[in-house]
Structure formats: C-alpha cells, structure tokens
Amino acid sequence: MFLTDAFVKAGKRFTLLAFANGAAVDAPDGVGVIRIGGSDGLSDPEGLAATRYDAEPGTAYLLRPDGYVAARFRYPTRSALDAALARACGMN
C-alpha cells in the first residue's frame, strides 16, 4: 500500500504519520494514525519513506486533511500535538 492510499483509507482527516521505534503518542481525538515500520505499521523495508521524510526513530508528522504537513516532530508529545492541531485549525 502506498502512503497516499493509507491516508485516503484513514479518512482524509488530520492524521499523525508516525515512524516506528519511537515512544507511542496518545493522538488527540479525531486524529488518525498511520505507522511506518514496526510490527503494526506499513512496511518500509528499504527505508524509502524514512529517507524522504528525514525520519529518525520516533519522528512524526501531523498531516492536514488536504494532505499538507501541518507540523513535524522528532519526539512528539501530546501537548505539542494539541498545540499544532490548534494552530492548524486557526485556534491559536
């Protein structure tokens, strides 16, 4: 499955794109999660997605419903996700 297909399947909503081997983050209500790598994520055996997104273990991106990147995190926290989501929604 391609990343775009996974995004569309997730419902084209705010989505956290999380790269494996990082601490699990409690995503805000209504935010989808797509995992890359690990036992429960999309397969990236050649590391192409990690390379394209300059992702180290634990890196995450908050994607807007239109697919654009709203925020990038090396080590996301719930408070950082909440703040990024508020900014992306124009509440901040």
C-alpha atoms as a PDB file:
ATOM      1  CA  MET A   1       0.000   0.000   0.000  1.00  0.00           C
ATOM      2  CA  PHE A   2       1.244   3.454  -0.855  1.00  0.00           C
ATOM      3  CA  LEU A   3       1.250   6.225   1.729  1.00  0.00           C
ATOM      4  CA  THR A   4      -1.365   8.223  -0.202  1.00  0.00           C
ATOM      5  CA  ASP A   5      -3.654   5.184  -0.237  1.00  0.00           C
ATOM      6  CA  ALA A   6      -3.203   4.772   3.522  1.00  0.00           C
ATOM      7  CA  PHE A   7      -4.039   8.464   4.037  1.00  0.00           C
ATOM      8  CA  VAL A   8      -7.222   8.206   1.961  1.00  0.00           C
ATOM      9  CA  LYS A   9      -8.162   4.971   3.748  1.00  0.00           C
ATOM     10  CA  ALA A  10      -7.653   6.727   7.114  1.00  0.00           C
ATOM     11  CA  GLY A  11     -10.393   9.160   6.103  1.00  0.00           C
ATOM     12  CA  LYS A  12      -8.572  12.268   4.852  1.00  0.00           C
ATOM     13  CA  ARG A  13      -8.664  13.893   8.274  1.00  0.00           C
ATOM     14  CA  PHE A  14      -5.890  15.185  10.484  1.00  0.00           C
ATOM     15  CA  THR A  15      -3.517  12.249  10.619  1.00  0.00           C
ATOM     16  CA  LEU A  16      -0.350  11.538  12.540  1.00  0.00           C
ATOM     17  CA  LEU A  17       2.288   9.853  10.378  1.00  0.00           C
ATOM     18  CA  ALA A  18       4.473   8.086  12.952  1.00  0.00           C
ATOM     19  CA  PHE A  19       7.749   6.297  12.289  1.00  0.00           C
ATOM     20  CA  ALA A  20       8.464   3.139  14.286  1.00  0.00           C
ATOM     21  CA  ASN A  21      10.765   2.687  17.247  1.00  0.00           C
ATOM     22  CA  GLY A  22       9.614   5.812  18.988  1.00  0.00           C
ATOM     23  CA  ALA A  23       7.500   6.133  22.092  1.00  0.00           C
ATOM     24  CA  ALA A  24       3.817   5.703  21.353  1.00  0.00           C
ATOM     25  CA  VAL A  25       1.965   9.010  21.444  1.00  0.00           C
ATOM     26  CA  ASP A  26      -1.630   9.406  22.511  1.00  0.00           C
ATOM     27  CA  ALA A  27      -3.118  11.120  19.460  1.00  0.00           C
ATOM     28  CA  PRO A  28      -5.874  13.685  20.086  1.00  0.00           C
ATOM     29  CA  ASP A  29      -9.466  12.571  19.499  1.00  0.00           C
ATOM     30  CA  GLY A  30     -10.381  12.567  15.828  1.00  0.00           C
ATOM     31  CA  VAL A  31      -6.764  12.357  14.641  1.00  0.00           C
ATOM     32  CA  GLY A  32      -5.920   9.248  12.637  1.00  0.00           C
ATOM     33  CA  VAL A  33      -2.605   7.450  12.937  1.00  0.00           C
ATOM     34  CA  ILE A  34      -0.548   5.846  10.177  1.00  0.00           C
ATOM     35  CA  ARG A  35       2.513   3.973  11.374  1.00  0.00           C
ATOM     36  CA  ILE A  36       5.538   3.318   9.190  1.00  0.00           C
ATOM     37  CA  GLY A  37       7.618   0.298  10.186  1.00  0.00           C
ATOM     38  CA  GLY A  38       7.419  -1.903  13.220  1.00  0.00           C
ATOM     39  CA  SER A  39       5.191  -4.926  13.585  1.00  0.00           C
ATOM     40  CA  ASP A  40       1.919  -2.969  13.267  1.00  0.00           C
ATOM     41  CA  GLY A  41       2.923  -0.385  10.664  1.00  0.00           C
ATOM     42  CA  LEU A  42       3.233  -0.095   6.922  1.00  0.00           C
ATOM     43  CA  SER A  43       6.277  -1.883   5.592  1.00  0.00           C
ATOM     44  CA  ASP A  44       9.277   0.237   4.587  1.00  0.00           C
ATOM     45  CA  PRO A  45      11.993  -2.436   4.228  1.00  0.00           C
ATOM     46  CA  GLU A  46      14.256  -0.264   2.073  1.00  0.00           C
ATOM     47  CA  GLY A  47      13.793   2.834   4.225  1.00  0.00           C
ATOM     48  CA  LEU A  48      12.470   4.953   1.352  1.00  0.00           C
ATOM     49  CA  ALA A  49       9.757   6.693   3.391  1.00  0.00           C
ATOM     50  CA  ALA A  50      12.195   7.298   6.252  1.00  0.00           C
ATOM     51  CA  THR A  51      14.710   8.817   3.839  1.00  0.00           C
ATOM     52  CA  ARG A  52      12.150  11.013   2.068  1.00  0.00           C
ATOM     53  CA  TYR A  53      10.765  12.299   5.362  1.00  0.00           C
ATOM     54  CA  ASP A  54      14.183  12.565   7.057  1.00  0.00           C
ATOM     55  CA  ALA A  55      12.728  10.368   9.756  1.00  0.00           C
ATOM     56  CA  GLU A  56      14.673   9.078  12.716  1.00  0.00           C
ATOM     57  CA  PRO A  57      13.014   6.611  15.101  1.00  0.00           C
ATOM     58  CA  GLY A  58      10.200   8.470  16.810  1.00  0.00           C
ATOM     59  CA  THR A  59       9.741  11.142  14.135  1.00  0.00           C
ATOM     60  CA  ALA A  60       6.124  12.057  13.412  1.00  0.00           C
ATOM     61  CA  TYR A  61       4.295  14.390  11.054  1.00  0.00           C
ATOM     62  CA  LEU A  62       0.857  15.870  11.567  1.00  0.00           C
ATOM     63  CA  LEU A  63      -0.881  15.887   8.182  1.00  0.00           C
ATOM     64  CA  ARG A  64      -3.794  18.179   7.437  1.00  0.00           C
ATOM     65  CA  PRO A  65      -6.960  16.747   5.816  1.00  0.00           C
ATOM     66  CA  ASP A  66      -5.749  18.069   2.439  1.00  0.00           C
ATOM     67  CA  GLY A  67      -2.502  16.095   2.808  1.00  0.00           C
ATOM     68  CA  TYR A  68      -0.183  19.011   3.535  1.00  0.00           C
ATOM     69  CA  VAL A  69       2.171  18.846   6.504  1.00  0.00           C
ATOM     70  CA  ALA A  70       0.898  20.846   9.481  1.00  0.00           C
ATOM     71  CA  ALA A  71       3.777  20.021  11.844  1.00  0.00           C
ATOM     72  CA  ARG A  72       6.869  17.870  12.200  1.00  0.00           C
ATOM     73  CA  PHE A  73       8.144  16.386  15.443  1.00  0.00           C
ATOM     74  CA  ARG A  74      11.316  14.491  16.327  1.00  0.00           C
ATOM     75  CA  TYR A  75       9.812  13.312  19.605  1.00  0.00           C
ATOM     76  CA  PRO A  76       6.128  14.261  19.725  1.00  0.00           C
ATOM     77  CA  THR A  77       4.300  14.840  22.970  1.00  0.00           C
ATOM     78  CA  ARG A  78       0.579  15.122  23.458  1.00  0.00           C
ATOM     79  CA  SER A  79       0.868  18.816  24.366  1.00  0.00           C
ATOM     80  CA  ALA A  80       2.913  19.537  21.216  1.00  0.00           C
ATOM     81  CA  LEU A  81       0.328  17.703  19.098  1.00  0.00           C
ATOM     82  CA  ASP A  82      -2.516  19.624  20.721  1.00  0.00           C
ATOM     83  CA  ALA A  83      -0.751  22.944  20.061  1.00  0.00           C
ATOM     84  CA  ALA A  84      -0.014  22.054  16.419  1.00  0.00           C
ATOM     85  CA  LEU A  85      -3.580  20.937  15.862  1.00  0.00           C
ATOM     86  CA  ALA A  86      -4.900  24.192  17.354  1.00  0.00           C
ATOM     87  CA  ARG A  87      -2.589  26.244  15.094  1.00  0.00           C
ATOM     88  CA  ALA A  88      -3.622  24.261  12.016  1.00  0.00           C
ATOM     89  CA  CYS A  89      -7.294  24.833  12.869  1.00  0.00           C
ATOM     90  CA  GLY A  90      -6.737  28.576  13.367  1.00  0.00           C
ATOM     91  CA  MET A  91      -7.467  28.446  17.090  1.00  0.00           C
ATOM     92  CA  ASN A  92      -4.109  29.770  18.118  1.00  0.00           C
END
